[in-house]
């Protein structure tokens, strides 16, 4: 089995650039993943299986930490920034 076919079967139709773009959008409210998303975005030109595995790991992390977020905007009468982290 060639590497291209194996990668295609491993990725199961996930478009790497679309996934990285979505993760970059998520960094606006989740700055804790910013470094790792930037790291996998550097390999957008020629992604391999380790890069796709790293992107999937970031998605699993986001799923397990949904209650942590960065809220920007007004709450009540005073504008304030509220963050939730461990």
PDB file of N, CA and C in Angstrom:
ATOM      1  N   UNK A   1       0.842  -1.175   0.000  1.00  0.00           N
ATOM      2  CA  UNK A   1       0.000   0.000   0.000  1.00  0.00           C
ATOM      3  C   UNK A   1       0.888   1.240   0.000  1.00  0.00           C
ATOM      4  N   UNK A   2       0.637   2.150  -0.915  1.00  0.00           N
ATOM      5  CA  UNK A   2       1.479   3.343  -0.996  1.00  0.00           C
ATOM      6  C   UNK A   2       1.143   4.300   0.148  1.00  0.00           C
ATOM      7  N   UNK A   3       2.064   5.211   0.415  1.00  0.00           N
ATOM      8  CA  UNK A   3       1.880   6.153   1.517  1.00  0.00           C
ATOM      9  C   UNK A   3       0.705   7.084   1.274  1.00  0.00           C
ATOM     10  N   UNK A   4       0.469   7.477   0.021  1.00  0.00           N
ATOM     11  CA  UNK A   4      -0.629   8.381  -0.288  1.00  0.00           C
ATOM     12  C   UNK A   4      -1.975   7.726  -0.015  1.00  0.00           C
ATOM     13  N   UNK A   5      -2.119   6.487  -0.415  1.00  0.00           N
ATOM     14  CA  UNK A   5      -3.367   5.774  -0.177  1.00  0.00           C
ATOM     15  C   UNK A   5      -3.574   5.559   1.319  1.00  0.00           C
ATOM     16  N   UNK A   6      -2.495   5.217   2.034  1.00  0.00           N
ATOM     17  CA  UNK A   6      -2.607   4.999   3.467  1.00  0.00           C
ATOM     18  C   UNK A   6      -2.980   6.290   4.188  1.00  0.00           C
ATOM     19  N   UNK A   7      -2.391   7.412   3.773  1.00  0.00           N
ATOM     20  CA  UNK A   7      -2.737   8.707   4.379  1.00  0.00           C
ATOM     21  C   UNK A   7      -4.183   9.058   4.091  1.00  0.00           C
ATOM     22  N   UNK A   8      -4.647   8.787   2.884  1.00  0.00           N
ATOM     23  CA  UNK A   8      -6.036   9.078   2.532  1.00  0.00           C
ATOM     24  C   UNK A   8      -6.996   8.259   3.383  1.00  0.00           C
ATOM     25  N   UNK A   9      -6.678   6.999   3.596  1.00  0.00           N
ATOM     26  CA  UNK A   9      -7.553   6.175   4.422  1.00  0.00           C
ATOM     27  C   UNK A   9      -7.477   6.598   5.885  1.00  0.00           C
ATOM     28  N   UNK A  10      -6.310   7.090   6.329  1.00  0.00           N
ATOM     29  CA  UNK A  10      -6.155   7.536   7.705  1.00  0.00           C
ATOM     30  C   UNK A  10      -6.922   8.835   7.940  1.00  0.00           C
ATOM     31  N   UNK A  11      -6.882   9.738   6.972  1.00  0.00           N
ATOM     32  CA  UNK A  11      -7.504  11.048   7.171  1.00  0.00           C
ATOM     33  C   UNK A  11      -9.020  10.985   7.077  1.00  0.00           C
ATOM     34  N   UNK A  12      -9.573   9.965   6.413  1.00  0.00           N
ATOM     35  CA  UNK A  12     -11.016   9.764   6.280  1.00  0.00           C
ATOM     36  C   UNK A  12     -11.725  11.004   5.743  1.00  0.00           C
ATOM     37  N   UNK A  13     -11.156  11.645   4.755  1.00  0.00           N
ATOM     38  CA  UNK A  13     -11.806  12.783   4.112  1.00  0.00           C
ATOM     39  C   UNK A  13     -11.660  14.104   4.841  1.00  0.00           C
ATOM     40  N   UNK A  14     -10.867  14.152   5.904  1.00  0.00           N
ATOM     41  CA  UNK A  14     -10.661  15.414   6.612  1.00  0.00           C
ATOM     42  C   UNK A  14      -9.732  16.283   5.774  1.00  0.00           C
ATOM     43  N   UNK A  15     -10.143  17.467   5.486  1.00  0.00           N
ATOM     44  CA  UNK A  15      -9.311  18.399   4.737  1.00  0.00           C
ATOM     45  C   UNK A  15      -8.426  19.152   5.724  1.00  0.00           C
ATOM     46  N   UNK A  16      -7.143  18.942   5.620  1.00  0.00           N
ATOM     47  CA  UNK A  16      -6.194  19.468   6.596  1.00  0.00           C
ATOM     48  C   UNK A  16      -6.244  20.996   6.670  1.00  0.00           C
ATOM     49  N   UNK A  17      -6.273  21.664   5.534  1.00  0.00           N
ATOM     50  CA  UNK A  17      -6.280  23.134   5.549  1.00  0.00           C
ATOM     51  C   UNK A  17      -7.551  23.676   6.188  1.00  0.00           C
ATOM     52  N   UNK A  18      -8.669  23.037   5.922  1.00  0.00           N
ATOM     53  CA  UNK A  18      -9.922  23.458   6.534  1.00  0.00           C
ATOM     54  C   UNK A  18      -9.888  23.255   8.044  1.00  0.00           C
ATOM     55  N   UNK A  19      -9.327  22.148   8.462  1.00  0.00           N
ATOM     56  CA  UNK A  19      -9.207  21.859   9.888  1.00  0.00           C
ATOM     57  C   UNK A  19      -8.298  22.876  10.571  1.00  0.00           C
ATOM     58  N   UNK A  20      -7.167  23.178   9.961  1.00  0.00           N
ATOM     59  CA  UNK A  20      -6.244  24.163  10.542  1.00  0.00           C
ATOM     60  C   UNK A  20      -6.893  25.548  10.572  1.00  0.00           C
ATOM     61  N   UNK A  21      -7.621  25.895   9.531  1.00  0.00           N
ATOM     62  CA  UNK A  21      -8.323  27.182   9.516  1.00  0.00           C
ATOM     63  C   UNK A  21      -9.352  27.287  10.630  1.00  0.00           C
ATOM     64  N   UNK A  22     -10.069  26.214  10.866  1.00  0.00           N
ATOM     65  CA  UNK A  22     -11.047  26.205  11.956  1.00  0.00           C
ATOM     66  C   UNK A  22     -10.358  26.324  13.310  1.00  0.00           C
ATOM     67  N   UNK A  23      -9.236  25.652  13.461  1.00  0.00           N
ATOM     68  CA  UNK A  23      -8.492  25.752  14.721  1.00  0.00           C
ATOM     69  C   UNK A  23      -7.917  27.152  14.917  1.00  0.00           C
ATOM     70  N   UNK A  24      -7.461  27.778  13.832  1.00  0.00           N
ATOM     71  CA  UNK A  24      -6.973  29.159  13.939  1.00  0.00           C
ATOM     72  C   UNK A  24      -8.095  30.099  14.375  1.00  0.00           C
ATOM     73  N   UNK A  25      -9.299  29.873  13.878  1.00  0.00           N
ATOM     74  CA  UNK A  25     -10.453  30.670  14.291  1.00  0.00           C
ATOM     75  C   UNK A  25     -10.747  30.450  15.774  1.00  0.00           C
ATOM     76  N   UNK A  26     -10.592  29.222  16.236  1.00  0.00           N
ATOM     77  CA  UNK A  26     -10.866  28.908  17.646  1.00  0.00           C
ATOM     78  C   UNK A  26      -9.864  29.559  18.591  1.00  0.00           C
ATOM     79  N   UNK A  27      -8.680  29.915  18.097  1.00  0.00           N
ATOM     80  CA  UNK A  27      -7.671  30.528  18.980  1.00  0.00           C
ATOM     81  C   UNK A  27      -8.079  31.925  19.439  1.00  0.00           C
ATOM     82  N   UNK A  28      -9.104  32.508  18.819  1.00  0.00           N
ATOM     83  CA  UNK A  28      -9.556  33.830  19.263  1.00  0.00           C
ATOM     84  C   UNK A  28     -10.129  33.789  20.665  1.00  0.00           C
ATOM     85  N   UNK A  29     -10.781  32.698  21.003  1.00  0.00           N
ATOM     86  CA  UNK A  29     -11.339  32.565  22.349  1.00  0.00           C
ATOM     87  C   UNK A  29     -10.621  31.517  23.177  1.00  0.00           C
ATOM     88  N   UNK A  30      -9.662  30.822  22.593  1.00  0.00           N
ATOM     89  CA  UNK A  30      -8.904  29.796  23.307  1.00  0.00           C
ATOM     90  C   UNK A  30      -7.410  30.022  23.091  1.00  0.00           C
ATOM     91  N   UNK A  31      -6.818  31.033  23.748  1.00  0.00           N
ATOM     92  CA  UNK A  31      -5.396  31.309  23.533  1.00  0.00           C
ATOM     93  C   UNK A  31      -4.475  30.203  24.044  1.00  0.00           C
ATOM     94  N   UNK A  32      -4.992  29.256  24.825  1.00  0.00           N
ATOM     95  CA  UNK A  32      -4.157  28.177  25.329  1.00  0.00           C
ATOM     96  C   UNK A  32      -3.721  27.211  24.231  1.00  0.00           C
ATOM     97  N   UNK A  33      -4.391  27.198  23.084  1.00  0.00           N
ATOM     98  CA  UNK A  33      -4.021  26.293  21.987  1.00  0.00           C
ATOM     99  C   UNK A  33      -3.261  27.007  20.880  1.00  0.00           C
ATOM    100  N   UNK A  34      -3.023  28.284  21.059  1.00  0.00           N
ATOM    101  CA  UNK A  34      -2.449  29.101  19.986  1.00  0.00           C
ATOM    102  C   UNK A  34      -1.079  28.596  19.518  1.00  0.00           C
ATOM    103  N   UNK A  35      -0.205  28.242  20.416  1.00  0.00           N
ATOM    104  CA  UNK A  35       1.126  27.780  20.037  1.00  0.00           C
ATOM    105  C   UNK A  35       1.050  26.509  19.205  1.00  0.00           C
ATOM    106  N   UNK A  36       0.238  25.566  19.640  1.00  0.00           N
ATOM    107  CA  UNK A  36       0.171  24.274  18.966  1.00  0.00           C
ATOM    108  C   UNK A  36      -0.515  24.369  17.605  1.00  0.00           C
ATOM    109  N   UNK A  37      -1.520  25.230  17.504  1.00  0.00           N
ATOM    110  CA  UNK A  37      -2.180  25.429  16.209  1.00  0.00           C
ATOM    111  C   UNK A  37      -1.216  26.098  15.237  1.00  0.00           C
ATOM    112  N   UNK A  38      -0.446  27.066  15.716  1.00  0.00           N
ATOM    113  CA  UNK A  38       0.554  27.712  14.868  1.00  0.00           C
ATOM    114  C   UNK A  38       1.593  26.702  14.399  1.00  0.00           C
ATOM    115  N   UNK A  39       1.949  25.780  15.269  1.00  0.00           N
ATOM    116  CA  UNK A  39       2.944  24.766  14.930  1.00  0.00           C
ATOM    117  C   UNK A  39       2.443  23.852  13.807  1.00  0.00           C
ATOM    118  N   UNK A  40       1.200  23.381  13.892  1.00  0.00           N
ATOM    119  CA  UNK A  40       0.699  22.503  12.833  1.00  0.00           C
ATOM    120  C   UNK A  40       0.357  23.280  11.570  1.00  0.00           C
ATOM    121  N   UNK A  41       0.086  24.582  11.701  1.00  0.00           N
ATOM    122  CA  UNK A  41      -0.208  25.397  10.514  1.00  0.00           C
ATOM    123  C   UNK A  41       1.036  25.583   9.650  1.00  0.00           C
ATOM    124  N   UNK A  42       2.208  25.457  10.229  1.00  0.00           N
ATOM    125  CA  UNK A  42       3.444  25.597   9.467  1.00  0.00           C
ATOM    126  C   UNK A  42       3.629  24.471   8.461  1.00  0.00           C
ATOM    127  N   UNK A  43       2.930  23.366   8.651  1.00  0.00           N
ATOM    128  CA  UNK A  43       3.058  22.211   7.768  1.00  0.00           C
ATOM    129  C   UNK A  43       1.866  22.080   6.819  1.00  0.00           C
ATOM    130  N   UNK A  44       1.180  23.172   6.550  1.00  0.00           N
ATOM    131  CA  UNK A  44       0.000  23.140   5.673  1.00  0.00           C
ATOM    132  C   UNK A  44       0.366  22.806   4.235  1.00  0.00           C
ATOM    133  N   UNK A  45       1.555  23.103   3.835  1.00  0.00           N
ATOM    134  CA  UNK A  45       1.969  22.825   2.464  1.00  0.00           C
ATOM    135  C   UNK A  45       2.167  21.356   2.177  1.00  0.00           C
ATOM    136  N   UNK A  46       2.631  20.604   3.164  1.00  0.00           N
ATOM    137  CA  UNK A  46       2.890  19.177   2.970  1.00  0.00           C
ATOM    138  C   UNK A  46       2.609  18.435   4.279  1.00  0.00           C
ATOM    139  N   UNK A  47       1.323  18.304   4.658  1.00  0.00           N
ATOM    140  CA  UNK A  47       1.024  17.659   5.931  1.00  0.00           C
ATOM    141  C   UNK A  47       1.229  16.154   5.851  1.00  0.00           C
ATOM    142  N   UNK A  48       1.629  15.602   6.947  1.00  0.00           N
ATOM    143  CA  UNK A  48       1.800  14.156   7.046  1.00  0.00           C
ATOM    144  C   UNK A  48       0.899  13.601   8.128  1.00  0.00           C
ATOM    145  N   UNK A  49       1.033  12.342   8.370  1.00  0.00           N
ATOM    146  CA  UNK A  49       0.194  11.692   9.374  1.00  0.00           C
ATOM    147  C   UNK A  49       0.436  12.254  10.775  1.00  0.00           C
ATOM    148  N   UNK A  50       1.678  12.534  11.189  1.00  0.00           N
ATOM    149  CA  UNK A  50       1.869  13.117  12.528  1.00  0.00           C
ATOM    150  C   UNK A  50       1.175  14.479  12.693  1.00  0.00           C
ATOM    151  N   UNK A  51       1.101  15.252  11.606  1.00  0.00           N
ATOM    152  CA  UNK A  51       0.452  16.561  11.691  1.00  0.00           C
ATOM    153  C   UNK A  51      -1.056  16.408  11.839  1.00  0.00           C
ATOM    154  N   UNK A  52      -1.625  15.460  11.124  1.00  0.00           N
ATOM    155  CA  UNK A  52      -3.052  15.196  11.256  1.00  0.00           C
ATOM    156  C   UNK A  52      -3.366  14.631  12.640  1.00  0.00           C
ATOM    157  N   UNK A  53      -2.504  13.780  13.153  1.00  0.00           N
ATOM    158  CA  UNK A  53      -2.689  13.260  14.505  1.00  0.00           C
ATOM    159  C   UNK A  53      -2.643  14.387  15.536  1.00  0.00           C
ATOM    160  N   UNK A  54      -1.733  15.346  15.356  1.00  0.00           N
ATOM    161  CA  UNK A  54      -1.639  16.482  16.276  1.00  0.00           C
ATOM    162  C   UNK A  54      -2.899  17.343  16.201  1.00  0.00           C
ATOM    163  N   UNK A  55      -3.419  17.555  15.004  1.00  0.00           N
ATOM    164  CA  UNK A  55      -4.653  18.339  14.851  1.00  0.00           C
ATOM    165  C   UNK A  55      -5.826  17.636  15.525  1.00  0.00           C
ATOM    166  N   UNK A  56      -5.892  16.315  15.371  1.00  0.00           N
ATOM    167  CA  UNK A  56      -6.963  15.563  16.021  1.00  0.00           C
ATOM    168  C   UNK A  56      -6.819  15.607  17.544  1.00  0.00           C
ATOM    169  N   UNK A  57      -5.581  15.611  18.025  1.00  0.00           N
ATOM    170  CA  UNK A  57      -5.353  15.707  19.470  1.00  0.00           C
ATOM    171  C   UNK A  57      -5.827  17.056  19.999  1.00  0.00           C
ATOM    172  N   UNK A  58      -5.601  18.126  19.242  1.00  0.00           N
ATOM    173  CA  UNK A  58      -6.082  19.451  19.644  1.00  0.00           C
ATOM    174  C   UNK A  58      -7.607  19.454  19.695  1.00  0.00           C
ATOM    175  N   UNK A  59      -8.250  18.812  18.725  1.00  0.00           N
ATOM    176  CA  UNK A  59      -9.718  18.731  18.732  1.00  0.00           C
ATOM    177  C   UNK A  59     -10.218  17.965  19.957  1.00  0.00           C
ATOM    178  N   UNK A  60      -9.541  16.878  20.311  1.00  0.00           N
ATOM    179  CA  UNK A  60      -9.940  16.128  21.500  1.00  0.00           C
ATOM    180  C   UNK A  60      -9.758  16.963  22.761  1.00  0.00           C
ATOM    181  N   UNK A  61      -8.676  17.765  22.810  1.00  0.00           N
ATOM    182  CA  UNK A  61      -8.456  18.650  23.951  1.00  0.00           C
ATOM    183  C   UNK A  61      -9.570  19.684  24.049  1.00  0.00           C
ATOM    184  N   UNK A  62      -9.950  20.268  22.913  1.00  0.00           N
ATOM    185  CA  UNK A  62     -11.026  21.257  22.921  1.00  0.00           C
ATOM    186  C   UNK A  62     -12.342  20.638  23.380  1.00  0.00           C
ATOM    187  N   UNK A  63     -12.598  19.426  22.956  1.00  0.00           N
ATOM    188  CA  UNK A  63     -13.832  18.754  23.357  1.00  0.00           C
ATOM    189  C   UNK A  63     -13.854  18.490  24.865  1.00  0.00           C
ATOM    190  N   UNK A  64     -12.710  18.131  25.426  1.00  0.00           N
ATOM    191  CA  UNK A  64     -12.670  17.810  26.854  1.00  0.00           C
ATOM    192  C   UNK A  64     -12.629  19.046  27.747  1.00  0.00           C
ATOM    193  N   UNK A  65     -12.350  20.217  27.178  1.00  0.00           N
ATOM    194  CA  UNK A  65     -12.263  21.447  27.973  1.00  0.00           C
ATOM    195  C   UNK A  65     -13.235  22.501  27.453  1.00  0.00           C
ATOM    196  N   UNK A  66     -14.441  22.089  27.130  1.00  0.00           N
ATOM    197  CA  UNK A  66     -15.429  23.023  26.590  1.00  0.00           C
ATOM    198  C   UNK A  66     -15.832  24.099  27.584  1.00  0.00           C
ATOM    199  N   UNK A  67     -15.747  23.802  28.881  1.00  0.00           N
ATOM    200  CA  UNK A  67     -16.179  24.780  29.877  1.00  0.00           C
ATOM    201  C   UNK A  67     -15.173  25.910  30.077  1.00  0.00           C
ATOM    202  N   UNK A  68     -13.957  25.759  29.553  1.00  0.00           N
ATOM    203  CA  UNK A  68     -12.963  26.828  29.643  1.00  0.00           C
ATOM    204  C   UNK A  68     -13.103  27.727  28.425  1.00  0.00           C
ATOM    205  N   UNK A  69     -13.190  29.023  28.656  1.00  0.00           N
ATOM    206  CA  UNK A  69     -13.311  29.932  27.516  1.00  0.00           C
ATOM    207  C   UNK A  69     -12.861  31.329  27.917  1.00  0.00           C
ATOM    208  N   UNK A  70     -12.764  32.162  26.927  1.00  0.00           N
ATOM    209  CA  UNK A  70     -12.419  33.561  27.118  1.00  0.00           C
ATOM    210  C   UNK A  70     -13.607  34.364  26.620  1.00  0.00           C
ATOM    211  N   UNK A  71     -14.250  35.109  27.511  1.00  0.00           N
ATOM    212  CA  UNK A  71     -15.439  35.873  27.162  1.00  0.00           C
ATOM    213  C   UNK A  71     -15.034  37.325  26.992  1.00  0.00           C
ATOM    214  N   UNK A  72     -15.253  37.843  25.800  1.00  0.00           N
ATOM    215  CA  UNK A  72     -14.941  39.241  25.529  1.00  0.00           C
ATOM    216  C   UNK A  72     -16.249  39.996  25.338  1.00  0.00           C
ATOM    217  N   UNK A  73     -16.360  41.140  25.953  1.00  0.00           N
ATOM    218  CA  UNK A  73     -17.571  41.934  25.781  1.00  0.00           C
ATOM    219  C   UNK A  73     -18.086  42.447  27.111  1.00  0.00           C
ATOM    220  N   UNK A  74     -19.309  42.904  27.077  1.00  0.00           N
ATOM    221  CA  UNK A  74     -19.902  43.501  28.261  1.00  0.00           C
ATOM    222  C   UNK A  74     -20.657  42.477  29.081  1.00  0.00           C
ATOM    223  N   UNK A  75     -20.558  42.639  30.365  1.00  0.00           N
ATOM    224  CA  UNK A  75     -21.372  41.882  31.302  1.00  0.00           C
ATOM    225  C   UNK A  75     -21.933  42.902  32.286  1.00  0.00           C
ATOM    226  N   UNK A  76     -23.186  43.186  32.158  1.00  0.00           N
ATOM    227  CA  UNK A  76     -23.777  44.229  32.994  1.00  0.00           C
ATOM    228  C   UNK A  76     -23.486  45.599  32.400  1.00  0.00           C
ATOM    229  N   UNK A  77     -23.225  46.561  33.252  1.00  0.00           N
ATOM    230  CA  UNK A  77     -22.981  47.930  32.797  1.00  0.00           C
ATOM    231  C   UNK A  77     -21.507  48.201  32.536  1.00  0.00           C
ATOM    232  N   UNK A  78     -20.629  47.451  33.141  1.00  0.00           N
ATOM    233  CA  UNK A  78     -19.196  47.694  33.021  1.00  0.00           C
ATOM    234  C   UNK A  78     -18.606  46.696  32.024  1.00  0.00           C
ATOM    235  N   UNK A  79     -17.790  47.200  31.119  1.00  0.00           N
ATOM    236  CA  UNK A  79     -17.114  46.326  30.170  1.00  0.00           C
ATOM    237  C   UNK A  79     -15.949  45.650  30.879  1.00  0.00           C
ATOM    238  N   UNK A  80     -15.912  44.326  30.808  1.00  0.00           N
ATOM    239  CA  UNK A  80     -14.840  43.602  31.466  1.00  0.00           C
ATOM    240  C   UNK A  80     -14.510  42.341  30.688  1.00  0.00           C
ATOM    241  N   UNK A  81     -13.335  41.826  30.934  1.00  0.00           N
ATOM    242  CA  UNK A  81     -12.900  40.590  30.302  1.00  0.00           C
ATOM    243  C   UNK A  81     -12.873  39.499  31.371  1.00  0.00           C
ATOM    244  N   UNK A  82     -13.527  38.391  31.082  1.00  0.00           N
ATOM    245  CA  UNK A  82     -13.605  37.286  32.032  1.00  0.00           C
ATOM    246  C   UNK A  82     -12.901  36.097  31.418  1.00  0.00           C
ATOM    247  N   UNK A  83     -12.001  35.465  32.160  1.00  0.00           N
ATOM    248  CA  UNK A  83     -11.310  34.284  31.672  1.00  0.00           C
ATOM    249  C   UNK A  83     -11.536  33.152  32.647  1.00  0.00           C
ATOM    250  N   UNK A  84     -11.546  31.944  32.094  1.00  0.00           N
ATOM    251  CA  UNK A  84     -11.708  30.751  32.906  1.00  0.00           C
ATOM    252  C   UNK A  84     -10.606  29.772  32.535  1.00  0.00           C
ATOM    253  N   UNK A  85      -9.699  29.546  33.433  1.00  0.00           N
ATOM    254  CA  UNK A  85      -8.620  28.585  33.251  1.00  0.00           C
ATOM    255  C   UNK A  85      -8.357  27.890  34.561  1.00  0.00           C
ATOM    256  N   UNK A  86      -7.661  26.791  34.474  1.00  0.00           N
ATOM    257  CA  UNK A  86      -7.291  26.072  35.695  1.00  0.00           C
ATOM    258  C   UNK A  86      -6.225  26.813  36.455  1.00  0.00           C
TER     259      UNK A  86
END
